[in-house]
Amino acid sequence: MRLVWLAMFVLPLAGQVNVIEGARIRPHVKFLASDLLEGRGVGTRGGHLAVDYIAAQLGSMGLNVRYQEVPLVSVTPQPSSTLSAAKGGKTLPFEWMTGFTGRSLQQVPSTGFTAEAVFVGHGITAPEFGWHDYEGVDVKGKVVVLFTNEPPSDDPKFFGGKALTYYGRWTYKYEEAARRGATAVLIVHTTSTAGYGWGVVQGHGREQPQVKRRIGEPALALAGWLSASAAERLFEMAGMTLDGALNAANAAAFAPRRWALR
């Protein structure tokens, strides 16, 4: 795959270029969203057309455009994927795409795990805000269960107030857990914490291009999501409720909880 990067210099018309106007943007959006580009999938004819079009437009603005080759691996989760939790002789299965979804980041033909699960609130380590969800717990080889987003705040100096910092992004959740040696991550989905419905999350269970892993780079066997109803049943197995778990995650005195998952 080719990615476009730019060498920029000051333009005499920079003031005009910085003006955002619907009439100027509309024709570009119309072309890039047209059926001609066939969805702009990575590695497809439409994707190459989109790259060349964007490069041409940026070049016409006086930018020095460069292309960079990026090695990619296509990962397609299978509908036969299974996930279940177990505790005290009771097994709780979750259905693919309705109860859970996600993808492996290990870039191997198949993955599997049986491991203890640890609920780590929002899964955030932010010393500048005095927030340590992983404090006192070792998640190496374990499944991490957490909420997306971050502790609610009206103070701009605490997690950006009502703004969303990178700590609240699902990408950060996966990255932090992988750095700590976790085997898998299950993000609990609620529309209020995610800001979008379960239908959006289901897209994580479809084919996706990934940047090829470097040798020795940590990667999750499952970077997944749990639906609210599935998470409610999981927390019930652990003696909690979904709302109670979220309230605990939002509290500064949060303490991790553990149970089995496979």
C-alpha atoms as a PDB file:
ATOM      1  CA  MET A   1       0.000   0.000   0.000  1.00  0.00           C
ATOM      2  CA  ARG A   2       1.130   3.556  -0.676  1.00  0.00           C
ATOM      3  CA  LEU A   3       0.633   6.329   1.840  1.00  0.00           C
ATOM      4  CA  VAL A   4       1.011   9.997   0.997  1.00  0.00           C
ATOM      5  CA  TRP A   5       3.233  12.214   3.104  1.00  0.00           C
ATOM      6  CA  LEU A   6       4.096  15.831   2.546  1.00  0.00           C
ATOM      7  CA  ALA A   7       7.004  18.228   2.620  1.00  0.00           C
ATOM      8  CA  MET A   8       5.382  21.579   3.328  1.00  0.00           C
ATOM      9  CA  PHE A   9       6.508  25.153   2.801  1.00  0.00           C
ATOM     10  CA  VAL A  10       4.877  28.553   3.276  1.00  0.00           C
ATOM     11  CA  LEU A  11       2.462  29.419   0.471  1.00  0.00           C
ATOM     12  CA  PRO A  12       1.686  32.946  -0.660  1.00  0.00           C
ATOM     13  CA  LEU A  13      -2.009  32.016  -0.605  1.00  0.00           C
ATOM     14  CA  ALA A  14      -1.894  30.258   2.774  1.00  0.00           C
ATOM     15  CA  GLY A  15      -4.539  32.551   4.210  1.00  0.00           C
ATOM     16  CA  GLN A  16      -6.964  31.550   1.457  1.00  0.00           C
ATOM     17  CA  VAL A  17      -6.092  27.855   1.670  1.00  0.00           C
ATOM     18  CA  ASN A  18      -6.950  27.847   5.387  1.00  0.00           C
ATOM     19  CA  VAL A  19     -10.503  29.008   4.704  1.00  0.00           C
ATOM     20  CA  ILE A  20     -12.933  26.087   5.048  1.00  0.00           C
ATOM     21  CA  GLU A  21     -15.931  26.492   2.775  1.00  0.00           C
ATOM     22  CA  GLY A  22     -18.562  23.907   1.930  1.00  0.00           C
ATOM     23  CA  ALA A  23     -18.626  24.920  -1.717  1.00  0.00           C
ATOM     24  CA  ARG A  24     -14.877  24.189  -2.045  1.00  0.00           C
ATOM     25  CA  ILE A  25     -14.957  20.887  -0.168  1.00  0.00           C
ATOM     26  CA  ARG A  26     -18.144  19.465  -1.735  1.00  0.00           C
ATOM     27  CA  PRO A  27     -16.760  18.422  -5.153  1.00  0.00           C
ATOM     28  CA  HIS A  28     -13.826  16.583  -3.545  1.00  0.00           C
ATOM     29  CA  VAL A  29     -16.099  14.712  -1.143  1.00  0.00           C
ATOM     30  CA  LYS A  30     -18.507  13.934  -3.975  1.00  0.00           C
ATOM     31  CA  PHE A  31     -15.732  12.367  -6.058  1.00  0.00           C
ATOM     32  CA  LEU A  32     -14.094  10.436  -3.206  1.00  0.00           C
ATOM     33  CA  ALA A  33     -17.494   9.082  -2.095  1.00  0.00           C
ATOM     34  CA  SER A  34     -18.625   8.184  -5.613  1.00  0.00           C
ATOM     35  CA  ASP A  35     -19.308   4.626  -6.815  1.00  0.00           C
ATOM     36  CA  LEU A  36     -16.414   5.052  -9.233  1.00  0.00           C
ATOM     37  CA  LEU A  37     -13.994   4.527  -6.325  1.00  0.00           C
ATOM     38  CA  GLU A  38     -15.764   1.314  -5.251  1.00  0.00           C
ATOM     39  CA  GLY A  39     -15.429   2.032  -1.527  1.00  0.00           C
ATOM     40  CA  ARG A  40     -11.716   2.997  -1.656  1.00  0.00           C
ATOM     41  CA  GLY A  41     -10.645  -0.315  -0.130  1.00  0.00           C
ATOM     42  CA  VAL A  42      -6.946  -0.758   0.666  1.00  0.00           C
ATOM     43  CA  GLY A  43      -5.088  -2.255  -2.283  1.00  0.00           C
ATOM     44  CA  THR A  44      -8.061  -1.933  -4.643  1.00  0.00           C
ATOM     45  CA  ARG A  45      -8.400   0.052  -7.851  1.00  0.00           C
ATOM     46  CA  GLY A  46     -10.614   2.572  -6.052  1.00  0.00           C
ATOM     47  CA  GLY A  47      -8.109   2.925  -3.233  1.00  0.00           C
ATOM     48  CA  HIS A  48      -5.296   3.717  -5.667  1.00  0.00           C
ATOM     49  CA  LEU A  49      -7.510   6.236  -7.469  1.00  0.00           C
ATOM     50  CA  ALA A  50      -8.261   7.961  -4.163  1.00  0.00           C
ATOM     51  CA  VAL A  51      -4.551   8.170  -3.264  1.00  0.00           C
ATOM     52  CA  ASP A  52      -3.635   9.598  -6.666  1.00  0.00           C
ATOM     53  CA  TYR A  53      -6.501  12.084  -6.546  1.00  0.00           C
ATOM     54  CA  ILE A  54      -5.557  13.364  -3.080  1.00  0.00           C
ATOM     55  CA  ALA A  55      -1.900  13.591  -4.094  1.00  0.00           C
ATOM     56  CA  ALA A  56      -2.821  15.573  -7.197  1.00  0.00           C
ATOM     57  CA  GLN A  57      -4.961  18.011  -5.214  1.00  0.00           C
ATOM     58  CA  LEU A  58      -2.263  18.551  -2.603  1.00  0.00           C
ATOM     59  CA  GLY A  59       0.324  19.011  -5.326  1.00  0.00           C
ATOM     60  CA  SER A  60      -1.830  21.686  -6.942  1.00  0.00           C
ATOM     61  CA  MET A  61      -1.671  23.580  -3.623  1.00  0.00           C
ATOM     62  CA  GLY A  62       2.117  23.729  -3.817  1.00  0.00           C
ATOM     63  CA  LEU A  63       2.850  20.827  -1.476  1.00  0.00           C
ATOM     64  CA  ASN A  64       5.738  18.493  -2.226  1.00  0.00           C
ATOM     65  CA  VAL A  65       4.086  15.054  -2.198  1.00  0.00           C
ATOM     66  CA  ARG A  66       5.967  11.843  -1.423  1.00  0.00           C
ATOM     67  CA  TYR A  67       4.796   8.227  -1.389  1.00  0.00           C
ATOM     68  CA  GLN A  68       5.798   5.672   1.220  1.00  0.00           C
ATOM     69  CA  GLU A  69       5.344   1.923   0.897  1.00  0.00           C
ATOM     70  CA  VAL A  70       3.657   0.374   3.950  1.00  0.00           C
ATOM     71  CA  PRO A  71       3.617  -3.439   4.350  1.00  0.00           C
ATOM     72  CA  LEU A  72       0.110  -4.602   5.260  1.00  0.00           C
ATOM     73  CA  VAL A  73      -1.510  -7.859   6.322  1.00  0.00           C
ATOM     74  CA  SER A  74      -5.209  -8.503   5.739  1.00  0.00           C
ATOM     75  CA  VAL A  75      -6.985 -10.046   8.748  1.00  0.00           C
ATOM     76  CA  THR A  76     -10.472 -11.543   8.455  1.00  0.00           C
ATOM     77  CA  PRO A  77     -12.193 -12.784  11.645  1.00  0.00           C
ATOM     78  CA  GLN A  78     -14.248 -15.936  11.139  1.00  0.00           C
ATOM     79  CA  PRO A  79     -17.958 -16.233  12.045  1.00  0.00           C
ATOM     80  CA  SER A  80     -17.092 -19.504  13.773  1.00  0.00           C
ATOM     81  CA  SER A  81     -15.106 -17.574  16.433  1.00  0.00           C
ATOM     82  CA  THR A  82     -16.155 -18.457  19.986  1.00  0.00           C
ATOM     83  CA  LEU A  83     -15.796 -16.848  23.407  1.00  0.00           C
ATOM     84  CA  SER A  84     -17.047 -17.951  26.804  1.00  0.00           C
ATOM     85  CA  ALA A  85     -16.547 -17.145  30.480  1.00  0.00           C
ATOM     86  CA  ALA A  86     -16.367 -19.734  33.248  1.00  0.00           C
ATOM     87  CA  LYS A  87     -16.659 -19.509  37.015  1.00  0.00           C
ATOM     88  CA  GLY A  88     -17.575 -22.028  39.693  1.00  0.00           C
ATOM     89  CA  GLY A  89     -18.418 -24.744  37.190  1.00  0.00           C
ATOM     90  CA  LYS A  90     -20.727 -22.446  35.207  1.00  0.00           C
ATOM     91  CA  THR A  91     -19.930 -21.550  31.598  1.00  0.00           C
ATOM     92  CA  LEU A  92     -21.320 -18.460  29.904  1.00  0.00           C
ATOM     93  CA  PRO A  93     -21.029 -18.441  26.080  1.00  0.00           C
ATOM     94  CA  PHE A  94     -21.145 -15.248  23.999  1.00  0.00           C
ATOM     95  CA  GLU A  95     -22.473 -15.162  20.454  1.00  0.00           C
ATOM     96  CA  TRP A  96     -20.345 -13.797  17.624  1.00  0.00           C
ATOM     97  CA  MET A  97     -21.399 -10.329  16.429  1.00  0.00           C
ATOM     98  CA  THR A  98     -24.295 -10.068  18.887  1.00  0.00           C
ATOM     99  CA  GLY A  99     -22.438 -10.711  22.137  1.00  0.00           C
ATOM    100  CA  PHE A 100     -18.854 -10.079  21.100  1.00  0.00           C
ATOM    101  CA  THR A 101     -16.801  -8.998  18.134  1.00  0.00           C
ATOM    102  CA  GLY A 102     -13.204  -8.118  17.401  1.00  0.00           C
ATOM    103  CA  ARG A 103     -10.085  -9.279  15.636  1.00  0.00           C
ATOM    104  CA  SER A 104      -6.705 -10.785  16.369  1.00  0.00           C
ATOM    105  CA  LEU A 105      -3.651  -8.546  16.096  1.00  0.00           C
ATOM    106  CA  GLN A 106      -1.151 -11.419  16.111  1.00  0.00           C
ATOM    107  CA  GLN A 107      -1.315 -11.931  12.324  1.00  0.00           C
ATOM    108  CA  VAL A 108      -1.252 -15.725  12.475  1.00  0.00           C
ATOM    109  CA  PRO A 109      -3.706 -18.224  10.894  1.00  0.00           C
ATOM    110  CA  SER A 110      -5.529 -18.906  14.171  1.00  0.00           C
ATOM    111  CA  THR A 111      -5.410 -17.870  17.817  1.00  0.00           C
ATOM    112  CA  GLY A 112      -6.875 -19.172  21.055  1.00  0.00           C
ATOM    113  CA  PHE A 113      -6.491 -18.638  24.792  1.00  0.00           C
ATOM    114  CA  THR A 114      -7.697 -19.739  28.210  1.00  0.00           C
ATOM    115  CA  ALA A 115      -6.859 -17.157  30.825  1.00  0.00           C
ATOM    116  CA  GLU A 116      -7.957 -15.324  33.924  1.00  0.00           C
ATOM    117  CA  ALA A 117      -9.875 -12.139  33.219  1.00  0.00           C
ATOM    118  CA  VAL A 118      -9.173  -8.890  35.047  1.00  0.00           C
ATOM    119  CA  PHE A 119     -11.550  -5.927  35.114  1.00  0.00           C
ATOM    120  CA  VAL A 120      -9.421  -2.773  35.042  1.00  0.00           C
ATOM    121  CA  GLY A 121     -12.005  -0.003  34.877  1.00  0.00           C
ATOM    122  CA  HIS A 122     -11.086   2.278  31.983  1.00  0.00           C
ATOM    123  CA  GLY A 123      -7.670   0.651  31.547  1.00  0.00           C
ATOM    124  CA  ILE A 124      -5.861   3.973  31.888  1.00  0.00           C
ATOM    125  CA  THR A 125      -2.430   4.770  33.270  1.00  0.00           C
ATOM    126  CA  ALA A 126      -2.142   8.566  33.410  1.00  0.00           C
ATOM    127  CA  PRO A 127       0.323   9.668  36.114  1.00  0.00           C
ATOM    128  CA  GLU A 128      -0.139  13.320  35.177  1.00  0.00           C
ATOM    129  CA  PHE A 129      -3.741  12.986  36.370  1.00  0.00           C
ATOM    130  CA  GLY A 130      -2.947  10.655  39.260  1.00  0.00           C
ATOM    131  CA  TRP A 131      -4.873   7.840  37.582  1.00  0.00           C
ATOM    132  CA  HIS A 132      -3.612   4.235  37.715  1.00  0.00           C
ATOM    133  CA  ASP A 133      -6.173   1.589  36.753  1.00  0.00           C
ATOM    134  CA  TYR A 134      -3.492  -1.126  36.532  1.00  0.00           C
ATOM    135  CA  GLU A 135      -1.957  -0.331  39.898  1.00  0.00           C
ATOM    136  CA  GLY A 136      -1.217  -3.441  41.943  1.00  0.00           C
ATOM    137  CA  VAL A 137      -2.265  -5.940  39.274  1.00  0.00           C
ATOM    138  CA  ASP A 138      -0.215  -7.978  36.796  1.00  0.00           C
ATOM    139  CA  VAL A 139      -2.172  -8.608  33.574  1.00  0.00           C
ATOM    140  CA  LYS A 140       0.550 -10.521  31.749  1.00  0.00           C
ATOM    141  CA  GLY A 141      -1.063 -13.477  30.002  1.00  0.00           C
ATOM    142  CA  LYS A 142      -4.536 -12.374  31.115  1.00  0.00           C
ATOM    143  CA  VAL A 143      -7.702 -11.077  29.489  1.00  0.00           C
ATOM    144  CA  VAL A 144      -8.354  -7.428  30.281  1.00  0.00           C
ATOM    145  CA  VAL A 145     -11.970  -6.254  30.530  1.00  0.00           C
ATOM    146  CA  LEU A 146     -12.555  -2.506  30.523  1.00  0.00           C
ATOM    147  CA  PHE A 147     -14.731   0.404  29.433  1.00  0.00           C
ATOM    148  CA  THR A 148     -13.870   2.750  26.617  1.00  0.00           C
ATOM    149  CA  ASN A 149     -13.802   6.518  27.218  1.00  0.00           C
ATOM    150  CA  GLU A 150     -12.331   7.955  30.428  1.00  0.00           C
ATOM    151  CA  PRO A 151     -13.382   9.231  33.887  1.00  0.00           C
ATOM    152  CA  PRO A 152     -16.009  11.990  33.479  1.00  0.00           C
ATOM    153  CA  SER A 153     -14.754  15.489  34.175  1.00  0.00           C
ATOM    154  CA  ASP A 154     -15.781  19.121  33.882  1.00  0.00           C
ATOM    155  CA  ASP A 155     -12.251  20.278  34.681  1.00  0.00           C
ATOM    156  CA  PRO A 156     -10.135  20.989  31.544  1.00  0.00           C
ATOM    157  CA  LYS A 157      -7.061  20.138  33.613  1.00  0.00           C
ATOM    158  CA  PHE A 158      -8.376  16.631  34.386  1.00  0.00           C
ATOM    159  CA  PHE A 159      -8.613  14.430  31.287  1.00  0.00           C
ATOM    160  CA  GLY A 160      -9.408  17.497  29.221  1.00  0.00           C
ATOM    161  CA  GLY A 161     -12.744  18.122  30.902  1.00  0.00           C
ATOM    162  CA  LYS A 162     -15.561  17.247  28.516  1.00  0.00           C
ATOM    163  CA  ALA A 163     -13.104  16.804  25.655  1.00  0.00           C
ATOM    164  CA  LEU A 164     -11.882  13.298  24.848  1.00  0.00           C
ATOM    165  CA  THR A 165      -8.164  12.683  25.306  1.00  0.00           C
ATOM    166  CA  TYR A 166      -6.285   9.782  23.734  1.00  0.00           C
ATOM    167  CA  TYR A 167      -6.653   7.868  27.017  1.00  0.00           C
ATOM    168  CA  GLY A 168     -10.330   7.457  26.183  1.00  0.00           C
ATOM    169  CA  ARG A 169      -9.811   6.016  22.709  1.00  0.00           C
ATOM    170  CA  TRP A 170     -10.223   2.288  22.132  1.00  0.00           C
ATOM    171  CA  THR A 171      -6.873   2.216  20.323  1.00  0.00           C
ATOM    172  CA  TYR A 172      -5.139   3.354  23.510  1.00  0.00           C
ATOM    173  CA  LYS A 173      -6.883   0.614  25.499  1.00  0.00           C
ATOM    174  CA  TYR A 174      -5.453  -2.075  23.236  1.00  0.00           C
ATOM    175  CA  GLU A 175      -1.998  -0.509  23.114  1.00  0.00           C
ATOM    176  CA  GLU A 176      -1.672  -0.111  26.892  1.00  0.00           C
ATOM    177  CA  ALA A 177      -2.872  -3.647  27.608  1.00  0.00           C
ATOM    178  CA  ALA A 178      -0.488  -5.087  25.001  1.00  0.00           C
ATOM    179  CA  ARG A 179       2.409  -3.143  26.512  1.00  0.00           C
ATOM    180  CA  ARG A 180       1.587  -4.803  29.820  1.00  0.00           C
ATOM    181  CA  GLY A 181       1.609  -8.275  28.287  1.00  0.00           C
ATOM    182  CA  ALA A 182      -2.139  -8.951  28.207  1.00  0.00           C
ATOM    183  CA  THR A 183      -3.332 -11.818  26.022  1.00  0.00           C
ATOM    184  CA  ALA A 184      -6.618 -10.205  25.042  1.00  0.00           C
ATOM    185  CA  VAL A 185      -8.796  -7.158  25.653  1.00  0.00           C
ATOM    186  CA  LEU A 186     -12.584  -6.955  25.800  1.00  0.00           C
ATOM    187  CA  ILE A 187     -13.968  -3.429  25.726  1.00  0.00           C
ATOM    188  CA  VAL A 188     -17.439  -3.153  27.232  1.00  0.00           C
ATOM    189  CA  HIS A 189     -19.686  -1.289  24.822  1.00  0.00           C
ATOM    190  CA  THR A 190     -22.400   1.079  25.884  1.00  0.00           C
ATOM    191  CA  THR A 191     -23.704   3.786  23.595  1.00  0.00           C
ATOM    192  CA  SER A 192     -23.109   6.425  26.269  1.00  0.00           C
ATOM    193  CA  THR A 193     -19.447   5.529  26.887  1.00  0.00           C
ATOM    194  CA  ALA A 194     -18.561   4.828  23.257  1.00  0.00           C
ATOM    195  CA  GLY A 195     -20.595   7.605  21.682  1.00  0.00           C
ATOM    196  CA  TYR A 196     -21.920   5.273  18.960  1.00  0.00           C
ATOM    197  CA  GLY A 197     -24.106   2.185  18.694  1.00  0.00           C
ATOM    198  CA  TRP A 198     -23.210  -1.500  18.621  1.00  0.00           C
ATOM    199  CA  GLY A 199     -23.648  -1.530  14.838  1.00  0.00           C
ATOM    200  CA  VAL A 200     -20.487   0.565  14.510  1.00  0.00           C
ATOM    201  CA  VAL A 201     -18.537  -1.800  16.751  1.00  0.00           C
ATOM    202  CA  GLN A 202     -19.568  -4.809  14.666  1.00  0.00           C
ATOM    203  CA  GLY A 203     -17.278  -3.445  11.977  1.00  0.00           C
ATOM    204  CA  HIS A 204     -14.354  -4.622  14.108  1.00  0.00           C
ATOM    205  CA  GLY A 205     -15.360  -8.162  13.209  1.00  0.00           C
ATOM    206  CA  ARG A 206     -14.900  -7.689   9.483  1.00  0.00           C
ATOM    207  CA  GLU A 207     -11.840  -7.838   7.234  1.00  0.00           C
ATOM    208  CA  GLN A 208      -9.222  -5.269   8.138  1.00  0.00           C
ATOM    209  CA  PRO A 209      -5.757  -4.381   6.849  1.00  0.00           C
ATOM    210  CA  GLN A 210      -3.109  -4.130   9.551  1.00  0.00           C
ATOM    211  CA  VAL A 211       0.418  -2.779   9.387  1.00  0.00           C
ATOM    212  CA  LYS A 212       2.692  -5.829   9.381  1.00  0.00           C
ATOM    213  CA  ARG A 213       4.001  -6.576  12.871  1.00  0.00           C
ATOM    214  CA  ARG A 214       7.647  -6.195  13.687  1.00  0.00           C
ATOM    215  CA  ILE A 215       9.417  -9.240  15.118  1.00  0.00           C
ATOM    216  CA  GLY A 216       8.945  -9.353  18.893  1.00  0.00           C
ATOM    217  CA  GLU A 217       6.284  -6.635  18.908  1.00  0.00           C
ATOM    218  CA  PRO A 218       3.558  -7.443  21.505  1.00  0.00           C
ATOM    219  CA  ALA A 219       0.160  -8.188  20.011  1.00  0.00           C
ATOM    220  CA  LEU A 220      -3.231  -9.225  21.357  1.00  0.00           C
ATOM    221  CA  ALA A 221      -4.768 -12.582  20.504  1.00  0.00           C
ATOM    222  CA  LEU A 222      -8.117 -10.771  20.599  1.00  0.00           C
ATOM    223  CA  ALA A 223      -8.761  -7.052  20.438  1.00  0.00           C
ATOM    224  CA  GLY A 224     -12.455  -7.326  21.112  1.00  0.00           C
ATOM    225  CA  TRP A 225     -15.680  -5.749  22.290  1.00  0.00           C
ATOM    226  CA  LEU A 226     -18.550  -7.035  24.435  1.00  0.00           C
ATOM    227  CA  SER A 227     -22.106  -5.830  23.871  1.00  0.00           C
ATOM    228  CA  ALA A 228     -23.848  -4.242  26.845  1.00  0.00           C
ATOM    229  CA  SER A 229     -26.124  -7.262  27.322  1.00  0.00           C
ATOM    230  CA  ALA A 230     -23.193  -9.692  27.163  1.00  0.00           C
ATOM    231  CA  ALA A 231     -21.190  -7.551  29.592  1.00  0.00           C
ATOM    232  CA  GLU A 232     -24.149  -7.400  31.966  1.00  0.00           C
ATOM    233  CA  ARG A 233     -24.178 -11.212  32.143  1.00  0.00           C
ATOM    234  CA  LEU A 234     -20.403 -11.326  32.564  1.00  0.00           C
ATOM    235  CA  PHE A 235     -20.432  -8.827  35.422  1.00  0.00           C
ATOM    236  CA  GLU A 236     -23.317 -10.725  37.036  1.00  0.00           C
ATOM    237  CA  MET A 237     -21.128 -13.837  37.028  1.00  0.00           C
ATOM    238  CA  ALA A 238     -18.495 -11.776  38.859  1.00  0.00           C
ATOM    239  CA  GLY A 239     -21.011 -10.498  41.410  1.00  0.00           C
ATOM    240  CA  MET A 240     -21.349  -7.062  39.828  1.00  0.00           C
ATOM    241  CA  THR A 241     -23.727  -5.112  37.600  1.00  0.00           C
ATOM    242  CA  LEU A 242     -22.922  -3.193  34.436  1.00  0.00           C
ATOM    243  CA  ASP A 243     -23.854   0.143  36.015  1.00  0.00           C
ATOM    244  CA  GLY A 244     -21.982  -0.742  39.182  1.00  0.00           C
ATOM    245  CA  ALA A 245     -18.878  -1.645  37.182  1.00  0.00           C
ATOM    246  CA  LEU A 246     -19.000   1.657  35.295  1.00  0.00           C
ATOM    247  CA  ASN A 247     -19.458   3.621  38.527  1.00  0.00           C
ATOM    248  CA  ALA A 248     -16.477   1.774  39.979  1.00  0.00           C
ATOM    249  CA  ALA A 249     -14.423   2.523  36.856  1.00  0.00           C
ATOM    250  CA  ASN A 250     -15.211   6.233  37.194  1.00  0.00           C
ATOM    251  CA  ALA A 251     -14.071   6.354  40.825  1.00  0.00           C
ATOM    252  CA  ALA A 252     -10.543   7.414  41.748  1.00  0.00           C
ATOM    253  CA  ALA A 253     -10.423   4.597  44.315  1.00  0.00           C
ATOM    254  CA  PHE A 254     -10.969   1.912  41.628  1.00  0.00           C
ATOM    255  CA  ALA A 255      -9.552  -1.551  42.391  1.00  0.00           C
ATOM    256  CA  PRO A 256      -9.219  -4.270  39.706  1.00  0.00           C
ATOM    257  CA  ARG A 257     -11.430  -7.402  39.862  1.00  0.00           C
ATOM    258  CA  ARG A 258     -10.601 -10.904  38.538  1.00  0.00           C
ATOM    259  CA  TRP A 259     -12.463 -13.922  37.175  1.00  0.00           C
ATOM    260  CA  ALA A 260     -11.929 -16.712  34.603  1.00  0.00           C
ATOM    261  CA  LEU A 261     -12.504 -16.299  30.881  1.00  0.00           C
ATOM    262  CA  ARG A 262     -11.742 -18.526  27.928  1.00  0.00           C
END
